[in-house]
N, C-alpha and C. Protein backbone atom coordinates (compact mmCIF):
# COMPACT_ATOMS: atom_id res chain seq x y z
N LEU A 1 3.90 80.30 -0.31
CA LEU A 1 4.63 80.12 -1.49
C LEU A 1 5.98 79.48 -1.28
N ILE A 2 6.49 78.72 -2.01
CA ILE A 2 7.95 78.19 -1.98
C ILE A 2 8.87 79.37 -1.89
N LYS A 3 8.62 80.25 -2.90
CA LYS A 3 9.54 81.43 -3.14
C LYS A 3 9.75 82.06 -1.90
N ASP A 4 8.62 82.29 -0.95
CA ASP A 4 8.87 83.01 0.38
C ASP A 4 9.77 82.33 1.30
N LEU A 5 9.77 80.95 1.15
CA LEU A 5 10.64 80.39 2.14
C LEU A 5 12.01 80.75 1.94
N PHE A 6 12.48 80.87 0.63
CA PHE A 6 13.99 81.37 0.24
C PHE A 6 14.15 82.79 0.29
N VAL A 7 13.28 83.60 -0.09
CA VAL A 7 13.31 84.95 -0.16
C VAL A 7 13.01 85.75 1.04
N ASN A 8 12.05 85.28 1.79
CA ASN A 8 11.70 85.99 3.10
C ASN A 8 11.44 85.01 4.29
N PRO A 9 12.46 84.15 4.61
CA PRO A 9 12.22 82.95 5.64
C PRO A 9 11.75 83.68 6.96
N LYS A 10 10.66 82.86 7.55
CA LYS A 10 10.26 83.39 8.92
C LYS A 10 10.71 82.56 10.08
N SER A 11 10.90 81.23 9.72
CA SER A 11 11.11 80.16 10.89
C SER A 11 12.56 80.21 11.13
N LEU A 12 13.01 79.56 12.21
CA LEU A 12 14.37 79.47 12.46
C LEU A 12 15.19 78.36 11.67
N VAL A 13 14.26 77.40 11.22
CA VAL A 13 14.55 76.27 10.54
C VAL A 13 14.84 76.80 9.16
N ALA A 14 14.07 77.56 8.57
CA ALA A 14 14.01 78.11 7.15
C ALA A 14 15.43 79.08 7.26
N LYS A 15 15.50 79.92 8.03
CA LYS A 15 16.69 80.90 8.05
C LYS A 15 18.00 80.07 8.18
N SER A 16 17.89 78.96 9.09
CA SER A 16 19.17 78.00 9.04
C SER A 16 19.54 77.43 7.59
N LEU A 17 18.46 76.93 6.99
CA LEU A 17 18.57 76.40 5.79
C LEU A 17 19.16 77.20 4.91
N LEU A 18 18.78 78.48 4.93
CA LEU A 18 19.25 79.27 3.78
C LEU A 18 20.83 79.81 4.06
N GLN A 19 21.32 79.63 5.22
CA GLN A 19 22.69 79.85 5.49
C GLN A 19 23.60 79.28 4.40
N SER A 20 23.30 78.14 4.03
CA SER A 20 24.18 77.36 3.13
C SER A 20 24.01 77.98 1.72
N PHE A 21 23.13 78.81 1.20
CA PHE A 21 22.97 79.46 0.07
C PHE A 21 23.62 80.82 -0.10
N LYS A 22 23.88 81.38 1.21
CA LYS A 22 24.22 82.80 1.25
C LYS A 22 25.65 83.03 0.88
N TYR A 23 25.92 84.17 0.27
CA TYR A 23 27.21 84.57 -0.15
C TYR A 23 27.95 85.45 0.98
N GLU A 24 29.15 85.16 1.38
CA GLU A 24 29.61 85.73 2.35
C GLU A 24 30.74 86.79 1.86
N THR A 25 30.56 87.94 2.50
CA THR A 25 31.58 88.99 1.76
C THR A 25 31.80 89.96 3.22
N LYS A 26 33.12 90.43 3.06
CA LYS A 26 33.43 91.69 4.01
C LYS A 26 33.32 92.97 3.60
N GLU A 27 33.05 92.97 2.08
CA GLU A 27 32.99 94.18 1.47
C GLU A 27 31.67 94.95 1.82
N HIS A 28 31.74 96.41 1.63
CA HIS A 28 30.56 97.24 1.96
C HIS A 28 29.88 97.60 0.74
N GLN A 29 28.66 97.87 0.95
CA GLN A 29 27.62 98.18 -0.09
C GLN A 29 27.73 97.18 -1.11
N VAL A 30 27.17 96.00 -0.75
CA VAL A 30 26.72 94.89 -1.70
C VAL A 30 25.25 94.74 -1.48
N TYR A 31 24.55 94.68 -2.80
CA TYR A 31 23.32 94.60 -2.77
C TYR A 31 22.82 93.15 -3.41
N GLU A 32 21.82 92.68 -2.69
CA GLU A 32 21.24 91.38 -3.29
C GLU A 32 20.08 91.64 -3.96
N LEU A 33 20.15 91.39 -5.33
CA LEU A 33 19.08 91.45 -6.27
C LEU A 33 18.35 90.03 -6.34
N VAL A 34 16.99 90.07 -6.20
CA VAL A 34 16.35 88.77 -6.35
C VAL A 34 15.32 88.90 -7.42
N TYR A 35 15.43 87.85 -8.42
CA TYR A 35 14.67 87.80 -9.62
C TYR A 35 13.80 86.68 -9.52
N ASN A 36 12.62 86.72 -9.99
CA ASN A 36 11.76 85.61 -10.17
C ASN A 36 11.66 85.27 -11.49
N HIS A 37 11.00 84.08 -11.76
CA HIS A 37 10.86 83.47 -13.14
C HIS A 37 9.97 84.39 -14.16
N LYS A 38 9.49 85.41 -13.66
CA LYS A 38 8.60 86.20 -14.66
C LYS A 38 9.62 87.16 -15.29
N ASN A 39 10.51 87.69 -14.53
CA ASN A 39 11.39 88.68 -14.90
C ASN A 39 12.93 88.19 -15.38
N SER A 40 13.15 86.82 -15.32
CA SER A 40 14.53 86.42 -15.37
C SER A 40 15.19 86.52 -16.74
N ASP A 41 14.23 86.62 -17.71
CA ASP A 41 14.59 86.61 -19.15
C ASP A 41 14.78 87.94 -19.66
N ASP A 42 14.39 88.93 -18.89
CA ASP A 42 14.28 90.31 -19.26
C ASP A 42 15.78 91.06 -19.06
N THR A 43 16.10 92.07 -19.74
CA THR A 43 17.16 92.88 -19.89
C THR A 43 17.21 94.08 -18.77
N ILE A 44 16.45 93.71 -17.48
CA ILE A 44 16.25 94.74 -16.53
C ILE A 44 17.63 95.56 -16.17
N LEU A 45 18.53 94.74 -15.89
CA LEU A 45 19.78 95.17 -15.09
C LEU A 45 20.50 95.89 -16.27
N SER A 46 20.75 95.39 -17.45
CA SER A 46 21.32 96.09 -18.40
C SER A 46 20.70 97.48 -18.96
N ASP A 47 19.34 97.46 -18.89
CA ASP A 47 18.68 98.78 -19.07
C ASP A 47 18.99 99.80 -18.14
N CYS A 48 18.87 99.09 -16.83
CA CYS A 48 19.12 100.24 -15.76
C CYS A 48 20.58 100.69 -15.85
N ILE A 49 21.57 99.84 -16.00
CA ILE A 49 23.07 100.46 -16.17
C ILE A 49 23.08 101.45 -17.16
N LYS A 50 22.48 101.23 -18.41
CA LYS A 50 22.61 102.28 -19.52
C LYS A 50 21.77 103.45 -19.15
N GLN A 51 20.61 103.40 -18.64
CA GLN A 51 19.70 104.45 -18.27
C GLN A 51 20.41 105.41 -17.25
N TYR A 52 21.04 104.79 -16.14
CA TYR A 52 21.36 105.63 -15.07
C TYR A 52 22.85 105.73 -14.95
N GLN A 53 23.54 105.23 -15.90
CA GLN A 53 24.95 105.53 -16.08
C GLN A 53 25.71 105.03 -14.80
N ILE A 54 25.47 103.79 -14.27
CA ILE A 54 26.11 103.34 -13.02
C ILE A 54 27.03 102.31 -13.33
N ASP A 55 27.90 101.82 -12.67
CA ASP A 55 28.70 100.77 -13.05
C ASP A 55 28.19 99.48 -11.78
N VAL A 56 28.25 98.33 -12.36
CA VAL A 56 27.94 97.20 -11.62
C VAL A 56 29.01 96.19 -11.77
N ASN A 57 29.34 95.79 -10.43
CA ASN A 57 30.34 94.80 -10.31
C ASN A 57 29.72 93.64 -9.91
N ILE A 58 29.42 92.42 -10.56
CA ILE A 58 28.90 91.32 -9.94
C ILE A 58 29.82 90.38 -9.27
N LYS A 59 29.38 90.22 -8.09
CA LYS A 59 30.29 89.44 -7.07
C LYS A 59 30.03 88.01 -6.92
N TYR A 60 28.82 87.76 -7.06
CA TYR A 60 28.17 86.25 -6.95
C TYR A 60 26.90 86.21 -7.42
N ALA A 61 26.62 85.09 -8.06
CA ALA A 61 25.15 84.76 -8.45
C ALA A 61 24.78 83.37 -8.18
N LYS A 62 23.51 83.09 -7.87
CA LYS A 62 23.11 81.72 -7.61
C LYS A 62 21.59 81.78 -8.20
N THR A 63 21.16 80.54 -8.67
CA THR A 63 19.97 80.34 -9.31
C THR A 63 19.40 79.12 -8.56
N LEU A 64 18.13 79.22 -7.95
CA LEU A 64 17.28 78.10 -7.61
C LEU A 64 16.21 77.66 -8.35
N GLU A 65 16.08 76.23 -8.45
CA GLU A 65 15.08 75.82 -9.33
C GLU A 65 14.07 75.31 -8.51
N LEU A 66 12.84 75.86 -8.30
CA LEU A 66 11.88 75.37 -7.31
C LEU A 66 10.57 74.87 -8.17
N LYS A 67 10.31 73.64 -8.23
CA LYS A 67 9.29 73.08 -8.95
C LYS A 67 9.08 73.94 -10.38
N SER A 68 8.12 74.74 -10.25
CA SER A 68 7.91 75.32 -11.76
C SER A 68 8.45 76.94 -11.63
N GLU A 69 9.09 77.17 -10.62
CA GLU A 69 9.76 78.57 -10.40
C GLU A 69 11.19 78.69 -10.10
N THR A 70 11.73 79.56 -10.82
CA THR A 70 13.21 79.86 -10.80
C THR A 70 13.24 81.27 -10.06
N ILE A 71 14.37 81.12 -9.01
CA ILE A 71 14.55 82.49 -8.31
C ILE A 71 16.00 82.61 -8.48
N GLY A 72 16.27 83.76 -8.97
CA GLY A 72 17.84 84.17 -9.21
C GLY A 72 18.35 85.30 -8.03
N PHE A 73 19.43 84.96 -7.44
CA PHE A 73 20.00 85.72 -6.60
C PHE A 73 21.27 86.36 -7.22
N LEU A 74 21.54 87.67 -7.27
CA LEU A 74 22.61 88.39 -7.80
C LEU A 74 23.22 89.30 -6.68
N TYR A 75 24.39 89.13 -6.36
CA TYR A 75 25.25 89.98 -5.46
C TYR A 75 25.95 90.94 -6.16
N VAL A 76 25.79 92.27 -5.85
CA VAL A 76 26.51 93.33 -6.77
C VAL A 76 26.90 94.51 -6.09
N GLN A 77 28.02 95.07 -6.47
CA GLN A 77 28.32 96.54 -5.88
C GLN A 77 28.02 97.27 -7.05
N MET A 78 27.28 98.45 -6.59
CA MET A 78 27.01 99.64 -7.65
C MET A 78 27.44 100.97 -7.35
N THR A 79 27.98 101.64 -8.22
CA THR A 79 28.65 102.79 -8.03
C THR A 79 28.01 103.63 -8.96
N GLY A 80 28.01 105.13 -8.66
CA GLY A 80 27.81 106.26 -9.50
C GLY A 80 26.88 106.91 -8.88
N VAL A 81 26.67 108.05 -9.45
CA VAL A 81 25.68 109.12 -9.07
C VAL A 81 24.37 108.99 -8.70
N HIS A 82 23.90 108.03 -9.74
CA HIS A 82 22.48 107.78 -9.79
C HIS A 82 21.97 106.36 -9.18
N VAL A 83 22.85 105.77 -8.22
CA VAL A 83 22.55 104.37 -7.56
C VAL A 83 21.20 104.49 -7.11
N PRO A 84 20.68 105.58 -6.23
CA PRO A 84 19.37 105.43 -5.57
C PRO A 84 18.29 105.34 -6.58
N GLU A 85 18.32 106.04 -7.72
CA GLU A 85 17.39 105.99 -8.80
C GLU A 85 17.42 104.67 -9.56
N ALA A 86 18.57 104.17 -9.71
CA ALA A 86 18.67 102.85 -10.32
C ALA A 86 18.10 101.79 -9.50
N ILE A 87 18.30 101.81 -8.17
CA ILE A 87 17.71 100.84 -7.22
C ILE A 87 16.03 101.02 -7.39
N GLU A 88 15.62 102.06 -7.41
CA GLU A 88 14.00 102.32 -7.63
C GLU A 88 13.62 101.74 -8.84
N TYR A 89 14.51 101.99 -9.98
CA TYR A 89 14.08 101.46 -11.18
C TYR A 89 13.83 99.81 -11.34
N LEU A 90 15.06 99.24 -10.55
CA LEU A 90 14.92 97.82 -10.39
C LEU A 90 13.67 97.38 -9.79
N ARG A 91 13.37 98.05 -8.49
CA ARG A 91 12.28 97.87 -7.79
C ARG A 91 10.87 97.86 -8.55
N THR A 92 10.87 98.81 -9.42
CA THR A 92 9.60 99.21 -10.27
C THR A 92 9.52 97.99 -11.31
N HIS A 93 10.64 97.38 -11.47
CA HIS A 93 10.45 96.26 -12.61
C HIS A 93 10.58 94.95 -11.90
N HIS A 94 10.02 94.95 -10.72
CA HIS A 94 9.88 93.74 -9.84
C HIS A 94 11.11 92.97 -9.56
N VAL A 95 12.28 93.57 -9.28
CA VAL A 95 13.52 93.13 -8.68
C VAL A 95 13.50 93.52 -7.38
N GLU A 96 13.59 92.60 -6.46
CA GLU A 96 13.80 92.75 -5.08
C GLU A 96 15.13 93.28 -4.72
N VAL A 97 15.41 94.53 -4.24
CA VAL A 97 16.78 95.05 -3.94
C VAL A 97 16.98 95.22 -2.41
N ASN A 98 17.98 94.57 -1.82
CA ASN A 98 18.40 94.66 -0.43
C ASN A 98 19.83 95.02 -0.24
N LEU A 99 20.08 95.88 0.73
CA LEU A 99 21.48 96.05 0.96
C LEU A 99 21.83 94.84 1.71
N TYR A 100 22.82 93.97 1.23
CA TYR A 100 23.28 92.84 1.76
C TYR A 100 24.11 92.93 3.12
N ALA A 101 23.59 92.16 3.93
CA ALA A 101 24.35 92.14 5.27
C ALA A 101 24.37 90.61 5.62
N ILE A 102 25.48 90.17 6.16
CA ILE A 102 25.45 88.76 6.75
C ILE A 102 24.86 88.63 7.95
């Protein structure tokens, strides 16, 4: 799938290509949230913030249009007591969550 090329690159060429799309930060605890076209119109993050009473600081966002598929990358800082539960909530709603590291 084309999405896998951008979300989970395997080859050195694909990884090299993606470096131009990456967000660079020196800050700690930045999470990469990856949305696909199936859930990009839902209020998943908003619902998560309300339900788990967390604060979210959006650091950077990027959208890629790939043929008939859109992939959204959102780089955020999350704070609050219930961040682990919030991350699990996002994952159960088909948002890929990764601790971001350059």
